[in-house]
Protein backbone atom coordinates (compact mmCIF):
# COMPACT_ATOMS: atom_id res chain seq x y z
CA UNK A 1 50.63 27.58 -52.07
CA UNK A 2 47.58 26.87 -54.41
CA UNK A 3 47.27 23.05 -54.74
CA UNK A 4 43.85 22.67 -57.48
CA UNK A 5 43.73 19.27 -59.34
CA UNK A 6 45.72 18.51 -62.45
CA UNK A 7 45.20 17.21 -66.08
CA UNK A 8 48.99 15.06 -66.22
CA UNK A 9 49.87 12.82 -69.25
CA UNK A 10 52.85 10.69 -68.05
CA UNK A 11 54.26 9.58 -71.39
CA UNK A 12 56.22 5.98 -69.72
CA UNK A 13 55.82 3.09 -72.62
CA UNK A 14 59.10 0.96 -74.14
CA UNK A 15 59.72 -1.15 -71.05
CA UNK A 16 58.73 -1.92 -67.37
CA UNK A 17 61.27 0.58 -66.25
CA UNK A 18 59.85 3.21 -67.53
CA UNK A 19 56.32 2.37 -67.50
CA UNK A 20 55.90 0.96 -63.62
CA UNK A 21 57.24 4.35 -62.08
CA UNK A 22 55.07 6.30 -64.53
CA UNK A 23 52.02 3.84 -62.93
CA UNK A 24 53.05 4.33 -59.99
CA UNK A 25 53.35 8.59 -60.51
CA UNK A 26 49.73 8.17 -61.32
CA UNK A 27 49.12 6.38 -59.05
CA UNK A 28 50.39 8.76 -55.75
CA UNK A 29 49.00 11.92 -58.30
CA UNK A 30 45.20 10.44 -58.21
CA UNK A 31 45.39 9.67 -53.98
CA UNK A 32 46.15 13.50 -54.29
CA UNK A 33 43.62 14.44 -56.82
CA UNK A 34 45.03 14.91 -59.74
CA UNK A 35 43.96 12.89 -62.63
CA UNK A 36 46.45 11.06 -65.06
CA UNK A 37 45.87 9.81 -68.66
CA UNK A 38 49.11 7.12 -69.46
CA UNK A 39 50.76 7.30 -73.35
CA UNK A 40 52.57 4.03 -73.56
CA UNK A 41 53.99 1.86 -76.67
CA UNK A 42 52.45 0.18 -78.70
CA UNK A 43 54.57 -3.03 -78.14
CA UNK A 44 53.02 -6.22 -76.65
CA UNK A 45 55.12 -5.62 -72.97
CA UNK A 46 53.52 -2.47 -72.78
CA UNK A 47 49.87 -3.85 -73.57
CA UNK A 48 50.25 -6.90 -71.21
CA UNK A 49 51.47 -5.59 -68.48
CA UNK A 50 49.77 -2.19 -68.17
CA UNK A 51 46.41 -5.21 -68.16
CA UNK A 52 45.83 -4.80 -64.46
CA UNK A 53 45.50 -1.42 -63.95
CA UNK A 54 41.95 -1.08 -64.89
CA UNK A 55 40.90 2.26 -63.01
CA UNK A 56 44.03 4.64 -65.45
CA UNK A 57 43.23 5.27 -68.87
CA UNK A 58 46.22 5.03 -71.74
CA UNK A 59 46.60 5.95 -75.20
CA UNK A 60 48.95 4.69 -76.94
CA UNK A 61 51.88 6.61 -79.46
CA UNK A 62 54.72 5.06 -81.43
CA UNK A 63 57.54 4.43 -80.16
CA UNK A 64 60.43 7.07 -82.15
CA UNK A 65 63.65 5.10 -81.91
CA UNK A 66 66.95 8.29 -82.69
CA UNK A 67 69.52 6.79 -85.05
CA UNK A 68 73.19 7.84 -85.11
CA UNK A 69 72.90 12.02 -85.48
CA UNK A 70 75.25 11.84 -88.99
CA UNK A 71 72.38 8.61 -90.12
CA UNK A 72 70.93 9.15 -93.43
CA UNK A 73 67.61 7.67 -91.22
CA UNK A 74 67.91 10.94 -89.29
CA UNK A 75 65.18 12.56 -91.52
CA UNK A 76 62.40 9.87 -91.59
CA UNK A 77 63.16 9.83 -87.36
CA UNK A 78 62.65 13.71 -87.30
CA UNK A 79 59.02 13.62 -89.65
CA UNK A 80 57.94 10.69 -87.68
CA UNK A 81 58.55 12.61 -84.22
CA UNK A 82 57.07 16.47 -86.45
CA UNK A 83 53.71 13.76 -86.56
CA UNK A 84 53.74 12.19 -83.44
CA UNK A 85 54.02 15.16 -81.38
CA UNK A 86 50.95 16.55 -84.17
CA UNK A 87 49.38 13.34 -82.57
CA UNK A 88 49.70 13.86 -79.36
CA UNK A 89 49.31 17.86 -79.43
CA UNK A 90 45.57 17.19 -80.33
CA UNK A 91 45.17 14.52 -77.48
CA UNK A 92 46.50 16.46 -75.36
CA UNK A 93 44.10 19.64 -76.06
CA UNK A 94 41.40 17.38 -76.25
CA UNK A 95 42.68 15.89 -72.17
CA UNK A 96 42.82 19.61 -71.82
CA UNK A 97 45.83 19.12 -70.15
CA UNK A 98 48.24 20.96 -67.77
CA UNK A 99 51.12 18.70 -67.07
CA UNK A 100 53.54 17.05 -69.46
CA UNK A 101 55.82 13.92 -68.01
CA UNK A 102 58.22 11.59 -69.70
CA UNK A 103 59.50 9.28 -67.85
CA UNK A 104 62.22 8.41 -70.07
CA UNK A 105 63.20 6.75 -73.69
CA UNK A 106 61.76 8.46 -77.35
CA UNK A 107 58.13 7.61 -76.44
CA UNK A 108 58.41 10.78 -73.93
CA UNK A 109 59.77 12.86 -76.97
CA UNK A 110 56.89 13.60 -78.62
CA UNK A 111 54.95 14.36 -75.68
CA UNK A 112 56.76 16.73 -74.02
CA UNK A 113 57.29 18.58 -77.15
CA UNK A 114 54.21 18.93 -77.34
CA UNK A 115 52.99 20.09 -74.25
CA UNK A 116 55.97 22.70 -74.49
CA UNK A 117 54.64 23.81 -77.67
CA UNK A 118 51.14 24.47 -75.83
CA UNK A 119 52.50 26.14 -73.21
CA UNK A 120 52.45 23.37 -70.76
CA UNK A 121 54.38 22.45 -67.63
CA UNK A 122 56.23 19.73 -68.91
CA UNK A 123 58.96 17.81 -67.17
CA UNK A 124 61.79 14.24 -67.76
CA UNK A 125 62.14 11.83 -65.06
CA UNK A 126 65.72 9.71 -65.90
CA UNK A 127 65.87 6.55 -63.16
CA UNK A 128 69.68 5.69 -64.41
CA UNK A 129 73.11 6.93 -63.34
CA UNK A 130 73.82 7.01 -67.08
CA UNK A 131 70.92 9.54 -68.74
CA UNK A 132 69.80 8.03 -72.15
CA UNK A 133 70.47 10.60 -75.14
CA UNK A 134 66.09 10.65 -75.34
CA UNK A 135 66.26 11.55 -72.35
CA UNK A 136 69.15 14.24 -72.99
CA UNK A 137 67.86 15.53 -75.99
CA UNK A 138 63.58 15.43 -74.01
CA UNK A 139 65.59 17.70 -70.98
CA UNK A 140 65.49 21.15 -73.59
CA UNK A 141 61.88 21.35 -73.86
CA UNK A 142 60.88 20.60 -69.84
CA UNK A 143 60.20 22.87 -67.04
CA UNK A 144 62.08 20.57 -65.39
CA UNK A 145 63.97 17.11 -65.03
CA UNK A 146 63.62 14.82 -62.15
CA UNK A 147 66.20 12.34 -61.71
CA UNK A 148 66.21 9.06 -59.81
CA UNK A 149 70.02 9.29 -59.18
CA UNK A 150 72.03 12.17 -57.73
CA UNK A 151 75.30 10.75 -59.92
CA UNK A 152 72.89 11.60 -63.33
CA UNK A 153 72.49 15.13 -62.66
CA UNK A 154 75.80 16.21 -63.98
CA UNK A 155 74.69 15.17 -67.07
CA UNK A 156 72.15 17.99 -67.51
CA UNK A 157 74.00 21.14 -66.95
CA UNK A 158 71.93 23.23 -68.25
CA UNK A 159 68.40 22.44 -66.63
CA UNK A 160 66.88 22.61 -63.51
CA UNK A 161 67.17 19.06 -61.79
CA UNK A 162 65.60 17.61 -59.11
CA UNK A 163 67.21 14.22 -57.10
CA UNK A 164 63.75 12.61 -56.67
CA UNK A 165 64.52 9.19 -56.82
CA UNK A 166 62.59 6.97 -58.81
CA UNK A 167 58.77 5.74 -57.81
CA UNK A 168 57.39 1.75 -56.85
CA UNK A 169 54.07 1.00 -57.67
CA UNK A 170 51.61 0.54 -54.58
CA UNK A 171 51.76 -3.43 -54.31
CA UNK A 172 54.68 -3.42 -53.41
CA UNK A 173 54.26 -1.57 -50.37
CA UNK A 174 51.73 -4.30 -49.57
CA UNK A 175 52.80 -7.31 -47.31
CA UNK A 176 52.35 -10.30 -48.89
CA UNK A 177 52.57 -14.16 -47.10
CA UNK A 178 55.68 -15.91 -48.29
CA UNK A 179 54.22 -19.66 -47.54
CA UNK A 180 51.05 -18.23 -49.80
CA UNK A 181 53.07 -17.37 -53.12
CA UNK A 182 54.82 -20.74 -52.68
CA UNK A 183 51.70 -22.38 -52.22
CA UNK A 184 51.04 -20.66 -55.39
CA UNK A 185 53.87 -21.15 -57.02
CA UNK A 186 54.26 -25.12 -56.14
CA UNK A 187 57.61 -24.29 -53.92
CA UNK A 188 58.54 -23.92 -50.33
CA UNK A 189 58.17 -21.78 -48.12
CA UNK A 190 60.99 -22.60 -45.98
CA UNK A 191 63.14 -23.15 -48.94
CA UNK A 192 65.88 -20.40 -49.80
CA UNK A 193 64.77 -18.94 -53.43
CA UNK A 194 66.56 -17.35 -56.27
CA UNK A 195 63.97 -15.34 -58.00
CA UNK A 196 65.42 -14.57 -61.57
CA UNK A 197 63.91 -12.34 -64.08
CA UNK A 198 65.61 -11.45 -67.57
CA UNK A 199 63.57 -7.99 -68.49
CA UNK A 200 61.69 -6.87 -71.08
CA UNK A 201 65.17 -7.15 -73.75
CA UNK A 202 65.28 -10.45 -73.22
CA UNK A 203 68.24 -13.20 -71.69
CA UNK A 204 68.21 -16.80 -73.44
CA UNK A 205 72.10 -17.07 -72.24
CA UNK A 206 71.36 -16.05 -68.62
CA UNK A 207 68.13 -17.91 -68.82
CA UNK A 208 70.42 -20.95 -69.93
CA UNK A 209 73.43 -20.38 -67.43
CA UNK A 210 70.07 -20.75 -64.61
CA UNK A 211 68.55 -23.84 -65.82
CA UNK A 212 72.77 -25.60 -66.23
CA UNK A 213 73.26 -24.16 -62.46
CA UNK A 214 69.30 -25.26 -60.95
CA UNK A 215 70.79 -28.41 -62.05
CA UNK A 216 73.49 -28.75 -59.73
CA UNK A 217 72.02 -26.69 -57.15
CA UNK A 218 69.07 -29.49 -55.31
CA UNK A 219 69.13 -27.15 -51.80
CA UNK A 220 67.44 -24.08 -53.93
CA UNK A 221 64.52 -23.45 -55.47
CA UNK A 222 64.32 -20.77 -58.91
CA UNK A 223 61.10 -19.10 -58.96
CA UNK A 224 61.99 -18.10 -63.07
CA UNK A 225 60.32 -14.95 -64.92
CA UNK A 226 61.55 -15.77 -68.62
CA UNK A 227 60.18 -12.85 -71.16
CA UNK A 228 57.71 -13.67 -73.56
CA UNK A 229 59.77 -15.22 -76.68
CA UNK A 230 61.88 -17.48 -73.96
CA UNK A 231 59.42 -19.29 -71.93
CA UNK A 232 59.13 -21.98 -74.59
CA UNK A 233 62.18 -23.03 -74.84
CA UNK A 234 63.46 -22.96 -70.53
CA UNK A 235 60.00 -24.78 -70.38
CA UNK A 236 61.96 -27.50 -72.26
CA UNK A 237 64.82 -28.00 -70.45
CA UNK A 238 63.44 -27.23 -67.20
CA UNK A 239 61.11 -30.04 -67.68
CA UNK A 240 59.86 -32.01 -64.68
CA UNK A 241 62.99 -31.21 -62.00
CA UNK A 242 61.51 -29.77 -58.81
CA UNK A 243 61.68 -26.58 -57.58
CA UNK A 244 62.18 -25.30 -60.78
CA UNK A 245 59.17 -22.88 -60.90
CA UNK A 246 59.02 -21.28 -64.73
CA UNK A 247 56.69 -17.99 -66.19
CA UNK A 248 56.63 -16.34 -69.32
CA UNK A 249 55.54 -13.03 -67.34
CA UNK A 250 54.61 -11.59 -64.07
CA UNK A 251 51.85 -9.08 -63.00
CA UNK A 252 52.47 -9.37 -59.06
CA UNK A 253 55.76 -8.83 -58.79
CA UNK A 254 54.46 -8.18 -54.91
CA UNK A 255 54.40 -11.76 -54.01
CA UNK A 256 57.41 -13.10 -56.56
CA UNK A 257 59.79 -10.60 -54.41
CA UNK A 258 57.68 -11.84 -51.11
CA UNK A 259 59.37 -15.40 -51.79
CA UNK A 260 62.65 -14.48 -52.76
CA UNK A 261 65.96 -14.44 -50.91
CA UNK A 262 68.11 -13.90 -53.89
CA UNK A 263 67.83 -11.80 -57.31
CA UNK A 264 69.25 -12.66 -60.10
CA UNK A 265 68.61 -9.76 -62.54
CA UNK A 266 69.02 -7.43 -65.10
CA UNK A 267 70.04 -3.13 -63.93
CA UNK A 268 67.89 -1.67 -65.37
CA UNK A 269 66.80 1.18 -63.32
CA UNK A 270 62.95 0.34 -62.09
CA UNK A 271 64.70 -3.14 -61.37
CA UNK A 272 66.75 -1.61 -59.24
CA UNK A 273 64.54 0.72 -57.88
CA UNK A 274 62.33 -2.14 -56.25
CA UNK A 275 65.27 -4.04 -55.27
CA UNK A 276 66.28 -0.87 -53.09
CA UNK A 277 63.19 -0.27 -51.75
CA UNK A 278 62.69 -4.18 -50.55
CA UNK A 279 66.33 -4.64 -49.66
CA UNK A 280 66.90 -7.33 -51.77
CA UNK A 281 70.59 -8.64 -52.38
CA UNK A 282 71.17 -9.59 -55.37
CA UNK A 283 73.63 -10.49 -58.53
CA UNK A 284 73.21 -8.10 -61.01
CA UNK A 285 73.87 -9.09 -64.74
CA UNK A 286 73.76 -6.24 -67.16
CA UNK A 287 72.08 -6.25 -70.41
CA UNK A 288 75.32 -6.67 -72.97
CA UNK A 289 73.60 -4.11 -75.44
CA UNK A 290 71.71 -1.22 -73.94
CA UNK A 291 72.61 2.19 -74.89
CA UNK A 292 75.82 3.38 -73.73
CA UNK A 293 76.09 0.68 -71.31
CA UNK A 294 73.94 1.99 -68.94
CA UNK A 295 72.56 -0.57 -66.86
CA UNK A 296 76.44 -1.19 -65.71
CA UNK A 297 76.68 2.05 -64.21
CA UNK A 298 73.62 1.53 -62.42
CA UNK A 299 74.94 -1.96 -61.23
CA UNK A 300 78.57 -0.51 -59.76
CA UNK A 301 76.09 2.09 -58.12
CA UNK A 302 75.11 -0.79 -56.04
CA UNK A 303 78.61 -3.48 -56.27
CA UNK A 304 79.77 0.18 -54.55
CA UNK A 305 76.81 -0.26 -51.55
CA UNK A 306 77.55 -3.27 -51.61
CA UNK A 307 74.34 -4.38 -52.20
CA UNK A 308 74.31 -6.39 -55.56
CA UNK A 309 77.23 -8.59 -57.06
CA UNK A 310 78.04 -7.40 -60.65
CA UNK A 311 78.35 -10.21 -63.08
CA UNK A 312 78.85 -9.82 -66.63
CA UNK A 313 77.09 -11.87 -69.07
CA UNK A 314 80.38 -12.26 -71.08
CA UNK A 315 82.39 -13.43 -67.92
CA UNK A 316 80.13 -16.09 -66.63
CA UNK A 317 78.89 -19.53 -67.22
CA UNK A 318 76.84 -22.05 -65.08
CA UNK A 319 79.44 -23.07 -62.65
CA UNK A 320 80.01 -19.09 -61.61
CA UNK A 321 76.66 -19.17 -61.16
CA UNK A 322 76.68 -21.59 -59.26
CA UNK A 323 79.79 -20.87 -57.00
CA UNK A 324 78.06 -17.23 -56.82
CA UNK A 325 74.33 -18.54 -55.55
CA UNK A 326 76.20 -20.86 -53.35
CA UNK A 327 78.25 -18.74 -51.09
CA UNK A 328 75.58 -16.06 -50.75
CA UNK A 329 73.02 -18.45 -49.77
CA UNK A 330 74.67 -19.58 -47.76
CA UNK A 331 75.89 -16.41 -45.66
CA UNK A 332 72.91 -15.73 -43.81
CA UNK A 333 75.47 -12.85 -42.23
CA UNK A 334 76.74 -11.14 -46.12
CA UNK A 335 72.89 -11.12 -47.73
CA UNK A 336 71.75 -9.34 -44.01
CA UNK A 337 74.16 -7.03 -44.70
CA UNK A 338 73.42 -6.61 -48.80
CA UNK A 339 69.81 -6.29 -47.89
CA UNK A 340 70.95 -3.29 -45.65
CA UNK A 341 72.95 -1.54 -47.88
CA UNK A 342 70.10 -2.18 -50.79
CA UNK A 343 67.73 -0.34 -48.30
CA UNK A 344 69.77 2.45 -47.94
CA UNK A 345 70.09 3.19 -51.81
CA UNK A 346 66.68 3.43 -51.15
CA UNK A 347 63.93 6.84 -51.92
CA UNK A 348 60.75 5.64 -49.73
CA UNK A 349 58.79 8.67 -50.78
CA UNK A 350 59.83 9.12 -54.38
CA UNK A 351 56.68 9.46 -56.37
CA UNK A 352 55.50 11.80 -53.78
CA UNK A 353 58.31 13.94 -54.50
CA UNK A 354 57.54 13.60 -58.31
CA UNK A 355 53.96 15.39 -56.96
CA UNK A 356 55.14 17.99 -54.88
CA UNK A 357 57.49 19.51 -58.41
CA UNK A 358 54.07 19.40 -59.86
CA UNK A 359 52.29 20.81 -57.25
CA UNK A 360 55.06 23.77 -56.83
CA UNK A 361 54.76 24.47 -60.30
């Protein structure tokens, strides 16, 4: 089968859960001799996260969120989809695009729709156990649907589905020295460390619980990624407390993970994929306002496997968090079992699998 070079546009904006897998696919495509252009949203988080990938071309497209089907806002929604798809059509023709991949969310719909109308190969990738409405709609215009988890297949009864797993960026595959990372953040390489990530959509209450728990756990240190919106508040709460490093944003997650014995985070698909790839035990606190509560469904997959504890934010407080962290970090055997269970959920060659689907069309 001829494997000629293809020009691929990857729509991956909106959240890190869409952007980072898109970058991973772009990296693998480039390694295989193809070219990739990435479409991201106008959100600050996209600009911030994409800044370090200077070897790729990025374009911004407006994010188009779908209202309730019966809402009066549907008319402006449809108008915005059409208008954005026209913009994408021009971009796709100018870039001599062969393939369009949407990595999820409504940023994916207009480029895929434009690609379908131009007669291109079109795909959508969904990382979640419970696919979003955006991807279910986008799938109608796709050559194939690619999925991170087998549990999602039943949501696409009229589409040809391929379970590829969800890819991770190249940098997460590199060995990083725990000692060097500890020195960088002013922490100890020997002390048990909890990595805290609230996700791009925020975690104000969870961040507060972590600060309060930290005061009760002097034997544990925290690397705490707050998000841009909550950094000043959390920094003020932490003050000069030893063993608690607060950062707004991390552009070197390989380093952050290398220092971590336990991860406390939301259960967005991208984070889950990285935890599985690296075999990291976790406490998962789903984002309470996620569409269709899909983050809980993701976390349930890990909890059922024994890779994580699932905790709902409404049922938590600082005291319960202290109990969970103490119990896990105090039992090396439990951590090892969780680590192994997480690793068993990983698809190590997901980016390669996605590229094979594209190349075989």
